[in-house]
Amino acid sequence: MFHSKPIEERIAEREAKRKPLEEGRHFEHGPAKFLFIFIIVFVVIGHIAGLLFLMAIGLH
């Protein structure tokens, strides 16, 4: 703990080992893409369900 490199140096070394980003790819991390799509779909379905619910209440 006391003899380790500063975090800035460790991050710089880790980034230097990574391959360069490919053009046109926005999500290099697979789980991040899955989570993003899941949240978008969840919000859209929630809005549609809410609209249908409010329309059903308004009819009675």
N, C-alpha and C. Protein backbone atom coordinates (compact mmCIF):
# COMPACT_ATOMS: atom_id res chain seq x y z
N MET A 1 0.82 -1.18 0.00
CA MET A 1 0.00 0.00 0.00
C MET A 1 0.88 1.25 0.00
N PHE A 2 1.91 1.27 0.84
CA PHE A 2 2.73 2.48 0.97
C PHE A 2 3.78 2.59 -0.14
N HIS A 3 4.11 1.47 -0.81
CA HIS A 3 5.14 1.50 -1.85
C HIS A 3 4.56 1.34 -3.25
N SER A 4 3.25 1.49 -3.38
CA SER A 4 2.65 1.34 -4.71
C SER A 4 2.74 2.65 -5.48
N LYS A 5 2.56 2.55 -6.79
CA LYS A 5 2.61 3.73 -7.65
C LYS A 5 1.37 4.59 -7.41
N PRO A 6 1.48 5.87 -7.69
CA PRO A 6 0.28 6.73 -7.60
C PRO A 6 -0.78 6.27 -8.61
N ILE A 7 -2.00 6.56 -8.28
CA ILE A 7 -3.10 6.10 -9.12
C ILE A 7 -3.02 6.68 -10.53
N GLU A 8 -2.51 7.90 -10.67
CA GLU A 8 -2.39 8.49 -12.00
C GLU A 8 -1.46 7.67 -12.88
N GLU A 9 -0.36 7.19 -12.31
CA GLU A 9 0.58 6.38 -13.09
C GLU A 9 -0.03 5.03 -13.45
N ARG A 10 -0.76 4.42 -12.52
CA ARG A 10 -1.39 3.13 -12.81
C ARG A 10 -2.44 3.27 -13.90
N ILE A 11 -3.22 4.35 -13.87
CA ILE A 11 -4.22 4.57 -14.92
C ILE A 11 -3.55 4.80 -16.26
N ALA A 12 -2.47 5.59 -16.28
CA ALA A 12 -1.75 5.86 -17.52
C ALA A 12 -1.18 4.57 -18.11
N GLU A 13 -0.62 3.70 -17.28
CA GLU A 13 -0.09 2.42 -17.77
C GLU A 13 -1.20 1.55 -18.35
N ARG A 14 -2.33 1.51 -17.67
CA ARG A 14 -3.45 0.69 -18.14
C ARG A 14 -3.98 1.21 -19.47
N GLU A 15 -4.10 2.53 -19.61
CA GLU A 15 -4.58 3.10 -20.86
C GLU A 15 -3.58 2.89 -22.00
N ALA A 16 -2.29 2.88 -21.67
CA ALA A 16 -1.27 2.66 -22.71
C ALA A 16 -1.35 1.24 -23.26
N LYS A 17 -1.80 0.28 -22.46
CA LYS A 17 -1.89 -1.12 -22.90
C LYS A 17 -3.12 -1.36 -23.77
N ARG A 18 -4.13 -0.48 -23.68
CA ARG A 18 -5.36 -0.68 -24.44
C ARG A 18 -5.14 -0.43 -25.92
N LYS A 19 -5.89 -1.16 -26.74
CA LYS A 19 -5.82 -0.92 -28.18
C LYS A 19 -6.58 0.37 -28.49
N PRO A 20 -6.27 1.03 -29.60
CA PRO A 20 -6.99 2.27 -29.94
C PRO A 20 -8.46 1.99 -30.24
N LEU A 21 -9.29 2.98 -29.95
CA LEU A 21 -10.72 2.82 -30.18
C LEU A 21 -11.00 2.75 -31.68
N GLU A 22 -11.99 1.94 -32.04
CA GLU A 22 -12.37 1.79 -33.44
C GLU A 22 -13.39 2.85 -33.81
N GLU A 23 -13.29 3.37 -35.01
CA GLU A 23 -14.21 4.39 -35.49
C GLU A 23 -15.61 3.80 -35.62
N GLY A 24 -16.61 4.50 -35.10
CA GLY A 24 -17.99 4.07 -35.24
C GLY A 24 -18.50 3.19 -34.12
N ARG A 25 -17.64 2.81 -33.20
CA ARG A 25 -18.09 2.00 -32.07
C ARG A 25 -18.23 2.90 -30.85
N HIS A 26 -19.44 2.99 -30.33
CA HIS A 26 -19.69 3.87 -29.20
C HIS A 26 -19.58 3.12 -27.88
N PHE A 27 -19.86 1.83 -27.89
CA PHE A 27 -19.83 1.04 -26.67
C PHE A 27 -18.77 -0.03 -26.80
N GLU A 28 -17.62 0.21 -26.23
CA GLU A 28 -16.56 -0.80 -26.24
C GLU A 28 -16.82 -1.88 -25.19
N HIS A 29 -17.65 -1.57 -24.23
CA HIS A 29 -17.90 -2.49 -23.13
C HIS A 29 -19.27 -3.12 -23.32
N GLY A 30 -19.32 -4.43 -23.51
CA GLY A 30 -20.57 -5.14 -23.81
C GLY A 30 -21.66 -4.93 -22.78
N PRO A 31 -21.37 -5.13 -21.48
CA PRO A 31 -22.43 -4.93 -20.47
C PRO A 31 -22.97 -3.50 -20.45
N ALA A 32 -22.15 -2.51 -20.80
CA ALA A 32 -22.64 -1.13 -20.83
C ALA A 32 -23.67 -0.97 -21.94
N LYS A 33 -23.42 -1.60 -23.09
CA LYS A 33 -24.38 -1.53 -24.19
C LYS A 33 -25.69 -2.22 -23.79
N PHE A 34 -25.59 -3.37 -23.15
CA PHE A 34 -26.78 -4.10 -22.71
C PHE A 34 -27.58 -3.25 -21.71
N LEU A 35 -26.90 -2.65 -20.75
CA LEU A 35 -27.57 -1.84 -19.75
C LEU A 35 -28.23 -0.62 -20.38
N PHE A 36 -27.55 0.04 -21.30
CA PHE A 36 -28.10 1.20 -21.98
C PHE A 36 -29.38 0.84 -22.74
N ILE A 37 -29.34 -0.24 -23.50
CA ILE A 37 -30.52 -0.66 -24.27
C ILE A 37 -31.65 -1.06 -23.33
N PHE A 38 -31.33 -1.78 -22.24
CA PHE A 38 -32.35 -2.19 -21.28
C PHE A 38 -33.04 -0.98 -20.67
N ILE A 39 -32.29 0.04 -20.29
CA ILE A 39 -32.89 1.22 -19.68
C ILE A 39 -33.77 1.96 -20.67
N ILE A 40 -33.31 2.10 -21.92
CA ILE A 40 -34.13 2.78 -22.93
C ILE A 40 -35.44 2.04 -23.15
N VAL A 41 -35.37 0.71 -23.30
CA VAL A 41 -36.59 -0.09 -23.51
C VAL A 41 -37.50 0.01 -22.29
N PHE A 42 -36.94 -0.04 -21.09
CA PHE A 42 -37.73 0.05 -19.85
C PHE A 42 -38.47 1.38 -19.78
N VAL A 43 -37.81 2.47 -20.13
CA VAL A 43 -38.44 3.79 -20.08
C VAL A 43 -39.55 3.89 -21.12
N VAL A 44 -39.31 3.39 -22.32
CA VAL A 44 -40.33 3.46 -23.37
C VAL A 44 -41.56 2.64 -22.98
N ILE A 45 -41.34 1.43 -22.50
CA ILE A 45 -42.47 0.58 -22.08
C ILE A 45 -43.21 1.21 -20.91
N GLY A 46 -42.46 1.81 -19.98
CA GLY A 46 -43.10 2.49 -18.85
C GLY A 46 -43.97 3.65 -19.29
N HIS A 47 -43.50 4.42 -20.25
CA HIS A 47 -44.30 5.54 -20.74
C HIS A 47 -45.57 5.05 -21.45
N ILE A 48 -45.44 4.02 -22.25
CA ILE A 48 -46.61 3.47 -22.95
C ILE A 48 -47.61 2.91 -21.95
N ALA A 49 -47.12 2.18 -20.94
CA ALA A 49 -48.02 1.62 -19.92
C ALA A 49 -48.71 2.75 -19.15
N GLY A 50 -47.96 3.80 -18.83
CA GLY A 50 -48.56 4.93 -18.12
C GLY A 50 -49.65 5.61 -18.95
N LEU A 51 -49.38 5.79 -20.23
CA LEU A 51 -50.39 6.40 -21.11
C LEU A 51 -51.64 5.53 -21.20
N LEU A 52 -51.44 4.23 -21.37
CA LEU A 52 -52.59 3.33 -21.43
C LEU A 52 -53.38 3.34 -20.13
N PHE A 53 -52.68 3.39 -19.01
CA PHE A 53 -53.34 3.43 -17.71
C PHE A 53 -54.16 4.72 -17.56
N LEU A 54 -53.57 5.84 -17.91
CA LEU A 54 -54.30 7.11 -17.80
C LEU A 54 -55.48 7.17 -18.76
N MET A 55 -55.32 6.58 -19.94
CA MET A 55 -56.44 6.55 -20.89
C MET A 55 -57.56 5.67 -20.36
N ALA A 56 -57.22 4.56 -19.70
CA ALA A 56 -58.24 3.66 -19.17
C ALA A 56 -58.99 4.32 -18.01
N ILE A 57 -58.29 5.08 -17.20
CA ILE A 57 -58.96 5.78 -16.09
C ILE A 57 -59.86 6.87 -16.64
N GLY A 58 -59.43 7.54 -17.67
CA GLY A 58 -60.21 8.64 -18.24
C GLY A 58 -61.50 8.16 -18.90
N LEU A 59 -61.55 6.91 -19.32
CA LEU A 59 -62.75 6.39 -19.99
C LEU A 59 -63.86 6.07 -19.00
N HIS A 60 -63.52 5.85 -17.76
CA HIS A 60 -64.56 5.47 -16.78
C HIS A 60 -65.13 6.64 -16.07
